[in-house]
Amino acid sequence: MADINNSNNNQKYRQYHPYQEFNIPIQNLYNIPTSPEFLFAEEASRQRRSWSENLQYYTGSGYLSGAVLGGLKGSFDGLRAADPGDTLKLRLNRVLNCGGQVGRRYGNTLGVLGLIFAGLESGMVGLRDTDDILNSVAAGLGTGALYRAAKGVRSAAIAGAIGGLAAAAAVAGKQVVKRYVPI
């Protein structure tokens, strides 16, 4: 609706105000809440991601970081493996092939590790009905053991210990960053 109460007649256009006939102050129209809104009270009481969100987060971030790191490592390997007599096209082809192959392998490996970790961590939270560091450490231990179980008991035990230590270090690092880094 056009603004009829415009006192300046020299203007070429009139201002458009769609809410004029409703008598609503425009400031109150767009008051957006700053806290998350939940449909059920149970959702509001818990302060963690659901198992499906965890699954997507750990798997996706694992795959992406593995693909990027593996792509960089493969590209450097391709640069080092280039023969002195190769043309620029051959060198570029070697770099792209090595980067894609190693990036895909690392991405799949870290994606599977994230998938196993997310499932075990969500299972531990559901089993113990509490969310603490013990769930993450147990999930890291189980992830390492499950990932290397086909290589034997000794390899699974070592990988489980490494996974548990890595999960504990990640949780401790997260707490340190929360405490000392102002974000």
N, C-alpha and C. Protein backbone atom coordinates (compact mmCIF):
# COMPACT_ATOMS: atom_id res chain seq x y z
N MET A 1 0.86 -1.17 0.00
CA MET A 1 0.00 0.00 0.00
C MET A 1 0.90 1.23 0.00
N ALA A 2 0.58 2.20 -0.80
CA ALA A 2 1.37 3.42 -0.90
C ALA A 2 1.12 4.32 0.28
N ASP A 3 2.14 5.04 0.70
CA ASP A 3 2.03 5.96 1.83
C ASP A 3 1.39 7.25 1.33
N ILE A 4 0.14 7.51 1.75
CA ILE A 4 -0.62 8.67 1.28
C ILE A 4 -0.23 9.92 2.04
N ASN A 5 0.25 9.78 3.26
CA ASN A 5 0.57 10.92 4.11
C ASN A 5 1.93 11.51 3.80
N ASN A 6 2.41 11.37 2.61
CA ASN A 6 3.70 11.91 2.23
C ASN A 6 3.55 13.41 1.94
N SER A 7 4.28 14.24 2.71
CA SER A 7 4.13 15.69 2.56
C SER A 7 4.97 16.25 1.42
N ASN A 8 5.96 15.52 0.98
CA ASN A 8 6.82 16.00 -0.07
C ASN A 8 6.24 15.60 -1.43
N ASN A 9 5.64 16.54 -2.14
CA ASN A 9 4.99 16.25 -3.42
C ASN A 9 5.97 16.23 -4.58
N ASN A 10 7.20 16.68 -4.36
CA ASN A 10 8.19 16.71 -5.43
C ASN A 10 8.83 15.35 -5.67
N GLN A 11 8.56 14.38 -4.80
CA GLN A 11 9.14 13.05 -4.97
C GLN A 11 8.51 12.35 -6.15
N LYS A 12 9.34 11.59 -6.86
CA LYS A 12 8.86 10.86 -8.01
C LYS A 12 8.11 9.60 -7.59
N TYR A 13 8.54 8.96 -6.49
CA TYR A 13 7.92 7.73 -6.02
C TYR A 13 7.44 7.90 -4.59
N ARG A 14 6.42 7.13 -4.25
CA ARG A 14 5.95 7.10 -2.86
C ARG A 14 6.52 5.87 -2.17
N GLN A 15 6.71 5.96 -0.86
CA GLN A 15 7.24 4.83 -0.11
C GLN A 15 6.16 3.76 0.04
N TYR A 16 6.62 2.53 -0.06
CA TYR A 16 5.72 1.39 0.06
C TYR A 16 5.85 0.82 1.47
N HIS A 17 4.74 0.68 2.17
CA HIS A 17 4.72 0.14 3.53
C HIS A 17 3.62 -0.91 3.60
N PRO A 18 3.96 -2.21 3.49
CA PRO A 18 2.94 -3.25 3.39
C PRO A 18 2.14 -3.47 4.68
N TYR A 19 2.67 -3.04 5.82
CA TYR A 19 1.99 -3.30 7.10
C TYR A 19 1.29 -2.06 7.65
N GLN A 20 1.04 -1.09 6.83
CA GLN A 20 0.47 0.17 7.29
C GLN A 20 -0.93 -0.01 7.86
N GLU A 21 -1.74 -0.81 7.22
CA GLU A 21 -3.13 -0.94 7.68
C GLU A 21 -3.27 -1.83 8.90
N PHE A 22 -2.21 -2.53 9.29
CA PHE A 22 -2.29 -3.41 10.46
C PHE A 22 -1.91 -2.70 11.76
N ASN A 23 -1.34 -1.52 11.68
CA ASN A 23 -0.89 -0.73 12.83
C ASN A 23 0.07 -1.53 13.72
N ILE A 24 1.02 -2.18 13.11
CA ILE A 24 2.03 -2.94 13.84
C ILE A 24 3.35 -2.19 13.73
N PRO A 25 4.00 -1.91 14.87
CA PRO A 25 5.33 -1.30 14.78
C PRO A 25 6.30 -2.27 14.10
N ILE A 26 7.03 -1.78 13.16
CA ILE A 26 7.91 -2.64 12.37
C ILE A 26 9.00 -3.26 13.23
N GLN A 27 9.39 -2.63 14.33
CA GLN A 27 10.41 -3.18 15.19
C GLN A 27 9.94 -4.47 15.87
N ASN A 28 8.66 -4.56 16.20
CA ASN A 28 8.13 -5.75 16.87
C ASN A 28 7.89 -6.90 15.90
N LEU A 29 7.84 -6.60 14.63
CA LEU A 29 7.54 -7.63 13.64
C LEU A 29 8.67 -8.63 13.50
N TYR A 30 9.89 -8.18 13.63
CA TYR A 30 11.04 -9.05 13.40
C TYR A 30 11.81 -9.32 14.68
N ASN A 31 11.17 -9.48 15.80
CA ASN A 31 11.83 -9.89 17.03
C ASN A 31 12.07 -11.39 16.96
N ILE A 32 13.29 -11.76 16.64
CA ILE A 32 13.64 -13.16 16.49
C ILE A 32 14.28 -13.63 17.78
N PRO A 33 13.88 -14.79 18.30
CA PRO A 33 14.48 -15.27 19.54
C PRO A 33 15.95 -15.62 19.34
N THR A 34 16.74 -15.40 20.38
CA THR A 34 18.17 -15.68 20.29
C THR A 34 18.52 -17.09 20.74
N SER A 35 17.63 -17.75 21.46
CA SER A 35 17.90 -19.12 21.89
C SER A 35 17.17 -20.10 20.98
N PRO A 36 17.66 -21.33 20.89
CA PRO A 36 17.00 -22.31 20.03
C PRO A 36 15.60 -22.63 20.52
N GLU A 37 14.71 -22.89 19.59
CA GLU A 37 13.35 -23.26 19.93
C GLU A 37 13.18 -24.75 19.70
N PHE A 38 12.55 -25.44 20.65
CA PHE A 38 12.35 -26.88 20.55
C PHE A 38 10.87 -27.19 20.57
N LEU A 39 10.51 -28.26 19.90
CA LEU A 39 9.12 -28.68 19.84
C LEU A 39 8.70 -29.38 21.11
N PHE A 40 9.59 -30.20 21.67
CA PHE A 40 9.29 -30.95 22.88
C PHE A 40 10.21 -30.51 24.01
N ALA A 41 9.74 -30.61 25.24
CA ALA A 41 10.53 -30.21 26.40
C ALA A 41 11.73 -31.13 26.59
N GLU A 42 11.63 -32.39 26.18
CA GLU A 42 12.75 -33.33 26.32
C GLU A 42 13.94 -32.89 25.48
N GLU A 43 13.65 -32.33 24.31
CA GLU A 43 14.73 -31.86 23.45
C GLU A 43 15.45 -30.67 24.06
N ALA A 44 14.72 -29.82 24.73
CA ALA A 44 15.32 -28.63 25.32
C ALA A 44 16.18 -28.99 26.53
N SER A 45 15.86 -30.10 27.20
CA SER A 45 16.59 -30.44 28.42
C SER A 45 17.97 -31.02 28.12
N ARG A 46 18.15 -31.67 26.99
CA ARG A 46 19.47 -32.25 26.69
C ARG A 46 20.30 -31.24 25.90
N GLN A 47 21.56 -31.22 26.19
CA GLN A 47 22.46 -30.23 25.57
C GLN A 47 23.51 -30.90 24.70
N ARG A 48 23.13 -31.89 23.92
CA ARG A 48 24.07 -32.55 23.02
C ARG A 48 23.37 -32.89 21.73
N ARG A 49 24.17 -33.23 20.70
CA ARG A 49 23.60 -33.60 19.42
C ARG A 49 22.97 -34.98 19.51
N SER A 50 22.00 -35.23 18.64
CA SER A 50 21.38 -36.56 18.59
C SER A 50 22.34 -37.53 17.91
N TRP A 51 22.00 -38.82 17.93
CA TRP A 51 22.91 -39.82 17.35
C TRP A 51 23.05 -39.64 15.84
N SER A 52 21.97 -39.22 15.18
CA SER A 52 22.07 -39.03 13.74
C SER A 52 22.90 -37.79 13.39
N GLU A 53 22.77 -36.74 14.16
CA GLU A 53 23.60 -35.56 13.95
C GLU A 53 25.07 -35.88 14.22
N ASN A 54 25.32 -36.66 15.29
CA ASN A 54 26.68 -37.09 15.59
C ASN A 54 27.26 -37.93 14.46
N LEU A 55 26.46 -38.83 13.94
CA LEU A 55 26.89 -39.70 12.87
C LEU A 55 27.28 -38.90 11.63
N GLN A 56 26.45 -37.95 11.26
CA GLN A 56 26.74 -37.12 10.10
C GLN A 56 27.96 -36.23 10.34
N TYR A 57 28.07 -35.69 11.54
CA TYR A 57 29.17 -34.78 11.84
C TYR A 57 30.51 -35.50 11.81
N TYR A 58 30.63 -36.60 12.55
CA TYR A 58 31.91 -37.31 12.63
C TYR A 58 32.29 -37.95 11.29
N THR A 59 31.32 -38.54 10.61
CA THR A 59 31.63 -39.17 9.34
C THR A 59 32.01 -38.13 8.29
N GLY A 60 31.23 -37.07 8.19
CA GLY A 60 31.49 -36.03 7.20
C GLY A 60 32.78 -35.29 7.45
N SER A 61 33.03 -34.90 8.70
CA SER A 61 34.26 -34.16 8.98
C SER A 61 35.48 -35.07 8.84
N GLY A 62 35.33 -36.36 9.19
CA GLY A 62 36.43 -37.31 9.00
C GLY A 62 36.76 -37.49 7.53
N TYR A 63 35.72 -37.66 6.71
CA TYR A 63 35.96 -37.85 5.29
C TYR A 63 36.58 -36.60 4.66
N LEU A 64 36.05 -35.44 4.99
CA LEU A 64 36.56 -34.20 4.41
C LEU A 64 38.00 -33.94 4.81
N SER A 65 38.31 -34.08 6.09
CA SER A 65 39.69 -33.83 6.52
C SER A 65 40.64 -34.87 5.95
N GLY A 66 40.21 -36.13 5.88
CA GLY A 66 41.06 -37.15 5.29
C GLY A 66 41.29 -36.92 3.81
N ALA A 67 40.26 -36.50 3.10
CA ALA A 67 40.40 -36.24 1.67
C ALA A 67 41.34 -35.07 1.41
N VAL A 68 41.24 -34.03 2.21
CA VAL A 68 42.11 -32.86 2.02
C VAL A 68 43.56 -33.21 2.36
N LEU A 69 43.77 -33.84 3.52
CA LEU A 69 45.14 -34.19 3.92
C LEU A 69 45.75 -35.22 2.97
N GLY A 70 44.97 -36.22 2.59
CA GLY A 70 45.46 -37.22 1.65
C GLY A 70 45.72 -36.63 0.27
N GLY A 71 44.87 -35.72 -0.16
CA GLY A 71 45.10 -35.05 -1.44
C GLY A 71 46.38 -34.25 -1.46
N LEU A 72 46.65 -33.56 -0.36
CA LEU A 72 47.91 -32.80 -0.26
C LEU A 72 49.12 -33.73 -0.25
N LYS A 73 49.04 -34.81 0.55
CA LYS A 73 50.15 -35.75 0.61
C LYS A 73 50.37 -36.42 -0.74
N GLY A 74 49.29 -36.83 -1.39
CA GLY A 74 49.42 -37.45 -2.70
C GLY A 74 49.97 -36.50 -3.75
N SER A 75 49.58 -35.25 -3.66
CA SER A 75 50.10 -34.26 -4.62
C SER A 75 51.60 -34.06 -4.45
N PHE A 76 52.05 -34.00 -3.20
CA PHE A 76 53.50 -33.87 -2.97
C PHE A 76 54.24 -35.12 -3.41
N ASP A 77 53.64 -36.29 -3.17
CA ASP A 77 54.26 -37.53 -3.65
C ASP A 77 54.34 -37.54 -5.17
N GLY A 78 53.30 -37.06 -5.82
CA GLY A 78 53.31 -36.99 -7.28
C GLY A 78 54.36 -36.03 -7.81
N LEU A 79 54.58 -34.93 -7.11
CA LEU A 79 55.63 -33.99 -7.51
C LEU A 79 57.01 -34.61 -7.36
N ARG A 80 57.21 -35.35 -6.26
CA ARG A 80 58.51 -35.98 -6.03
C ARG A 80 58.79 -37.12 -7.00
N ALA A 81 57.73 -37.80 -7.46
CA ALA A 81 57.91 -38.97 -8.33
C ALA A 81 58.07 -38.58 -9.80
N ALA A 82 57.98 -37.31 -10.11
CA ALA A 82 58.06 -36.88 -11.51
C ALA A 82 59.47 -37.12 -12.06
N ASP A 83 59.53 -37.65 -13.27
CA ASP A 83 60.81 -37.89 -13.94
C ASP A 83 61.31 -36.58 -14.55
N PRO A 84 62.62 -36.43 -14.68
CA PRO A 84 63.15 -35.18 -15.24
C PRO A 84 62.75 -34.92 -16.69
N GLY A 85 62.47 -35.95 -17.45
CA GLY A 85 62.13 -35.76 -18.86
C GLY A 85 60.64 -35.60 -19.12
N ASP A 86 59.83 -35.56 -18.08
CA ASP A 86 58.37 -35.46 -18.25
C ASP A 86 57.97 -34.05 -18.70
N THR A 87 56.94 -34.01 -19.52
CA THR A 87 56.38 -32.72 -19.93
C THR A 87 55.50 -32.18 -18.80
N LEU A 88 55.07 -30.94 -18.97
CA LEU A 88 54.22 -30.32 -17.95
C LEU A 88 52.89 -31.06 -17.82
N LYS A 89 52.33 -31.53 -18.94
CA LYS A 89 51.07 -32.27 -18.91
C LYS A 89 51.22 -33.58 -18.14
N LEU A 90 52.32 -34.28 -18.36
CA LEU A 90 52.55 -35.54 -17.66
C LEU A 90 52.74 -35.32 -16.15
N ARG A 91 53.47 -34.28 -15.80
CA ARG A 91 53.67 -33.97 -14.38
C ARG A 91 52.34 -33.61 -13.70
N LEU A 92 51.56 -32.77 -14.37
CA LEU A 92 50.26 -32.38 -13.83
C LEU A 92 49.35 -33.59 -13.69
N ASN A 93 49.35 -34.47 -14.68
CA ASN A 93 48.55 -35.68 -14.63
C ASN A 93 48.97 -36.57 -13.47
N ARG A 94 50.27 -36.71 -13.26
CA ARG A 94 50.78 -37.54 -12.15
C ARG A 94 50.37 -36.94 -10.80
N VAL A 95 50.48 -35.63 -10.66
CA VAL A 95 50.11 -34.97 -9.41
C VAL A 95 48.61 -35.15 -9.13
N LEU A 96 47.79 -34.95 -10.14
CA LEU A 96 46.34 -35.09 -9.93
C LEU A 96 45.95 -36.53 -9.64
N ASN A 97 46.54 -37.48 -10.33
CA ASN A 97 46.22 -38.88 -10.08
C ASN A 97 46.65 -39.32 -8.68
N CYS A 98 47.87 -38.97 -8.29
CA CYS A 98 48.34 -39.34 -6.95
C CYS A 98 47.53 -38.66 -5.86
N GLY A 99 47.23 -37.37 -6.05
CA GLY A 99 46.43 -36.64 -5.06
C GLY A 99 45.03 -37.22 -4.92
N GLY A 100 44.41 -37.57 -6.04
CA GLY A 100 43.07 -38.15 -5.98
C GLY A 100 43.06 -39.53 -5.36
N GLN A 101 44.06 -40.35 -5.68
CA GLN A 101 44.10 -41.71 -5.15
C GLN A 101 44.36 -41.72 -3.65
N VAL A 102 45.36 -40.99 -3.19
CA VAL A 102 45.68 -40.97 -1.77
C VAL A 102 44.59 -40.23 -0.99
N GLY A 103 44.04 -39.15 -1.54
CA GLY A 103 42.97 -38.41 -0.87
C GLY A 103 41.73 -39.26 -0.69
N ARG A 104 41.39 -40.03 -1.68
CA ARG A 104 40.22 -40.92 -1.59
C ARG A 104 40.44 -41.99 -0.51
N ARG A 105 41.64 -42.55 -0.48
CA ARG A 105 41.95 -43.61 0.50
C ARG A 105 41.91 -43.05 1.93
N TYR A 106 42.56 -41.91 2.17
CA TYR A 106 42.56 -41.30 3.51
C TYR A 106 41.16 -40.85 3.91
N GLY A 107 40.43 -40.28 2.97
CA GLY A 107 39.07 -39.83 3.27
C GLY A 107 38.16 -40.98 3.66
N ASN A 108 38.23 -42.08 2.92
CA ASN A 108 37.42 -43.24 3.27
C ASN A 108 37.82 -43.83 4.62
N THR A 109 39.11 -43.87 4.90
CA THR A 109 39.58 -44.41 6.17
C THR A 109 39.07 -43.56 7.34
N LEU A 110 39.25 -42.27 7.27
CA LEU A 110 38.80 -41.41 8.37
C LEU A 110 37.28 -41.32 8.45
N GLY A 111 36.60 -41.43 7.32
CA GLY A 111 35.14 -41.46 7.34
C GLY A 111 34.61 -42.70 8.05
N VAL A 112 35.21 -43.86 7.80
CA VAL A 112 34.80 -45.09 8.48
C VAL A 112 35.12 -45.01 9.96
N LEU A 113 36.28 -44.46 10.30
CA LEU A 113 36.60 -44.29 11.73
C LEU A 113 35.59 -43.38 12.42
N GLY A 114 35.20 -42.30 11.75
CA GLY A 114 34.19 -41.40 12.31
C GLY A 114 32.84 -42.09 12.46
N LEU A 115 32.49 -42.93 11.50
CA LEU A 115 31.23 -43.67 11.56
C LEU A 115 31.20 -44.61 12.75
N ILE A 116 32.27 -45.37 12.93
CA ILE A 116 32.34 -46.30 14.06
C ILE A 116 32.34 -45.54 15.38
N PHE A 117 33.13 -44.47 15.45
CA PHE A 117 33.21 -43.68 16.69
C PHE A 117 31.86 -43.09 17.06
N ALA A 118 31.15 -42.52 16.09
CA ALA A 118 29.85 -41.91 16.38
C ALA A 118 28.86 -42.96 16.86
N GLY A 119 28.85 -44.12 16.25
CA GLY A 119 27.94 -45.18 16.68
C GLY A 119 28.25 -45.66 18.08
N LEU A 120 29.52 -45.86 18.37
CA LEU A 120 29.89 -46.33 19.70
C LEU A 120 29.65 -45.27 20.77
N GLU A 121 29.94 -44.02 20.45
CA GLU A 121 29.73 -42.97 21.44
C GLU A 121 28.24 -42.78 21.73
N SER A 122 27.41 -42.79 20.71
CA SER A 122 25.98 -42.66 20.93
C SER A 122 25.43 -43.87 21.67
N GLY A 123 25.97 -45.04 21.39
CA GLY A 123 25.57 -46.23 22.12
C GLY A 123 25.94 -46.15 23.59
N MET A 124 27.13 -45.63 23.87
CA MET A 124 27.56 -45.47 25.27
C MET A 124 26.69 -44.45 26.02
N VAL A 125 26.34 -43.37 25.34
CA VAL A 125 25.47 -42.37 25.98
C VAL A 125 24.10 -42.98 26.27
N GLY A 126 23.58 -43.74 25.33
CA GLY A 126 22.29 -44.39 25.55
C GLY A 126 22.35 -45.46 26.62
N LEU A 127 23.45 -46.19 26.69
CA LEU A 127 23.60 -47.26 27.67
C LEU A 127 23.80 -46.72 29.08
N ARG A 128 24.65 -45.72 29.22
CA ARG A 128 24.97 -45.18 30.54
C ARG A 128 24.02 -44.06 30.96
N ASP A 129 23.30 -43.47 30.03
CA ASP A 129 22.37 -42.38 30.29
C ASP A 129 23.05 -41.17 30.92
N THR A 130 24.29 -40.94 30.53
CA THR A 130 25.04 -39.77 30.96
C THR A 130 26.03 -39.41 29.87
N ASP A 131 26.41 -38.15 29.83
CA ASP A 131 27.33 -37.68 28.80
C ASP A 131 28.57 -37.13 29.48
N ASP A 132 29.65 -37.92 29.47
CA ASP A 132 30.90 -37.47 30.07
C ASP A 132 32.08 -37.97 29.24
N ILE A 133 33.28 -37.73 29.75
CA ILE A 133 34.50 -38.06 29.02
C ILE A 133 34.66 -39.57 28.85
N LEU A 134 34.12 -40.35 29.77
CA LEU A 134 34.26 -41.80 29.71
C LEU A 134 33.63 -42.38 28.45
N ASN A 135 32.53 -41.79 28.00
CA ASN A 135 31.89 -42.27 26.77
C ASN A 135 32.80 -42.07 25.57
N SER A 136 33.44 -40.93 25.48
CA SER A 136 34.33 -40.65 24.35
C SER A 136 35.56 -41.53 24.38
N VAL A 137 36.13 -41.75 25.57
CA VAL A 137 37.32 -42.59 25.68
C VAL A 137 36.98 -44.04 25.33
N ALA A 138 35.85 -44.52 25.83
CA ALA A 138 35.44 -45.89 25.51
C ALA A 138 35.12 -46.04 24.03
N ALA A 139 34.52 -45.02 23.43
CA ALA A 139 34.23 -45.07 21.99
C ALA A 139 35.53 -45.06 21.18
N GLY A 140 36.51 -44.28 21.59
CA GLY A 140 37.81 -44.26 20.91
C GLY A 140 38.52 -45.59 21.04
N LEU A 141 38.46 -46.18 22.23
CA LEU A 141 39.07 -47.49 22.45
C LEU A 141 38.39 -48.55 21.58
N GLY A 142 37.08 -48.54 21.57
CA GLY A 142 36.34 -49.50 20.76
C GLY A 142 36.53 -49.29 19.27
N THR A 143 36.64 -48.05 18.84
CA THR A 143 36.85 -47.76 17.43
C THR A 143 38.19 -48.30 16.95
N GLY A 144 39.24 -48.04 17.71
CA GLY A 144 40.55 -48.55 17.33
C GLY A 144 40.57 -50.07 17.31
N ALA A 145 39.96 -50.70 18.32
CA ALA A 145 39.95 -52.16 18.39
C ALA A 145 39.13 -52.76 17.26
N LEU A 146 37.98 -52.18 16.95
CA LEU A 146 37.16 -52.72 15.85
C LEU A 146 37.82 -52.52 14.49
N TYR A 147 38.48 -51.39 14.32
CA TYR A 147 39.09 -51.10 13.02
C TYR A 147 40.23 -52.06 12.72
N ARG A 148 40.99 -52.45 13.74
CA ARG A 148 42.13 -53.32 13.53
C ARG A 148 41.87 -54.77 13.96
N ALA A 149 40.64 -55.14 14.22
CA ALA A 149 40.33 -56.49 14.70
C ALA A 149 40.71 -57.57 13.70
N ALA A 150 40.65 -57.30 12.42
CA ALA A 150 40.98 -58.31 11.41
C ALA A 150 42.47 -58.62 11.36
N LYS A 151 43.31 -57.75 11.89
CA LYS A 151 44.76 -57.95 11.86
C LYS A 151 45.27 -58.76 13.05
N GLY A 152 44.39 -59.08 13.99
CA GLY A 152 44.80 -59.88 15.14
C GLY A 152 44.53 -59.18 16.45
N VAL A 153 44.65 -59.98 17.52
CA VAL A 153 44.33 -59.46 18.86
C VAL A 153 45.33 -58.40 19.30
N ARG A 154 46.60 -58.64 19.05
CA ARG A 154 47.63 -57.69 19.47
C ARG A 154 47.46 -56.35 18.76
N SER A 155 47.23 -56.38 17.46
CA SER A 155 47.04 -55.16 16.70
C SER A 155 45.78 -54.42 17.14
N ALA A 156 44.72 -55.18 17.44
CA ALA A 156 43.48 -54.56 17.90
C ALA A 156 43.67 -53.90 19.26
N ALA A 157 44.42 -54.55 20.15
CA ALA A 157 44.66 -53.97 21.48
C ALA A 157 45.48 -52.69 21.38
N ILE A 158 46.50 -52.69 20.54
CA ILE A 158 47.33 -51.49 20.39
C ILE A 158 46.52 -50.36 19.75
N ALA A 159 45.76 -50.69 18.72
CA ALA A 159 44.94 -49.66 18.07
C ALA A 159 43.86 -49.15 19.01
N GLY A 160 43.30 -50.03 19.84
CA GLY A 160 42.30 -49.59 20.82
C GLY A 160 42.90 -48.63 21.83
N ALA A 161 44.11 -48.93 22.31
CA ALA A 161 44.77 -48.03 23.26
C ALA A 161 45.06 -46.68 22.61
N ILE A 162 45.53 -46.71 21.37
CA ILE A 162 45.80 -45.45 20.66
C ILE A 162 44.51 -44.67 20.45
N GLY A 163 43.42 -45.36 20.08
CA GLY A 163 42.14 -44.69 19.90
C GLY A 163 41.61 -44.08 21.17
N GLY A 164 41.74 -44.80 22.30
CA GLY A 164 41.30 -44.26 23.59
C GLY A 164 42.10 -43.04 23.99
N LEU A 165 43.43 -43.10 23.80
CA LEU A 165 44.28 -41.94 24.12
C LEU A 165 43.97 -40.76 23.21
N ALA A 166 43.73 -41.04 21.95
CA ALA A 166 43.41 -39.94 21.02
C ALA A 166 42.09 -39.28 21.38
N ALA A 167 41.09 -40.08 21.75
CA ALA A 167 39.80 -39.51 22.14
C ALA A 167 39.93 -38.70 23.43
N ALA A 168 40.70 -39.21 24.40
CA ALA A 168 40.91 -38.47 25.64
C ALA A 168 41.65 -37.16 25.37
N ALA A 169 42.64 -37.20 24.49
CA ALA A 169 43.37 -35.97 24.15
C ALA A 169 42.47 -34.97 23.43
N ALA A 170 41.58 -35.47 22.57
CA ALA A 170 40.67 -34.56 21.86
C ALA A 170 39.69 -33.91 22.82
N VAL A 171 39.15 -34.67 23.76
CA VAL A 171 38.21 -34.09 24.73
C VAL A 171 38.93 -33.11 25.65
N ALA A 172 40.14 -33.47 26.10
CA ALA A 172 40.91 -32.56 26.95
C ALA A 172 41.27 -31.28 26.20
N GLY A 173 41.65 -31.42 24.92
CA GLY A 173 41.95 -30.24 24.11
C GLY A 173 40.75 -29.35 23.92
N LYS A 174 39.59 -29.96 23.76
CA LYS A 174 38.35 -29.18 23.61
C LYS A 174 38.06 -28.39 24.88
N GLN A 175 38.28 -29.01 26.04
CA GLN A 175 38.05 -28.32 27.31
C GLN A 175 39.04 -27.18 27.51
N VAL A 176 40.28 -27.37 27.11
CA VAL A 176 41.29 -26.31 27.22
C VAL A 176 40.93 -25.14 26.31
N VAL A 177 40.51 -25.44 25.10
CA VAL A 177 40.14 -24.38 24.17
C VAL A 177 38.91 -23.62 24.70
N LYS A 178 37.94 -24.35 25.24
CA LYS A 178 36.76 -23.68 25.81
C LYS A 178 37.12 -22.74 26.94
N ARG A 179 38.10 -23.16 27.74
CA ARG A 179 38.43 -22.39 28.92
C ARG A 179 39.33 -21.19 28.62
N TYR A 180 40.31 -21.37 27.73
CA TYR A 180 41.32 -20.33 27.55
C TYR A 180 41.19 -19.51 26.26
N VAL A 181 40.38 -19.94 25.31
CA VAL A 181 40.25 -19.19 24.07
C VAL A 181 38.91 -18.47 24.09
N PRO A 182 38.91 -17.15 24.13
CA PRO A 182 37.63 -16.43 24.15
C PRO A 182 36.97 -16.41 22.77
N ILE A 183 35.90 -17.12 22.65
CA ILE A 183 35.16 -17.15 21.38
C ILE A 183 33.75 -16.64 21.63
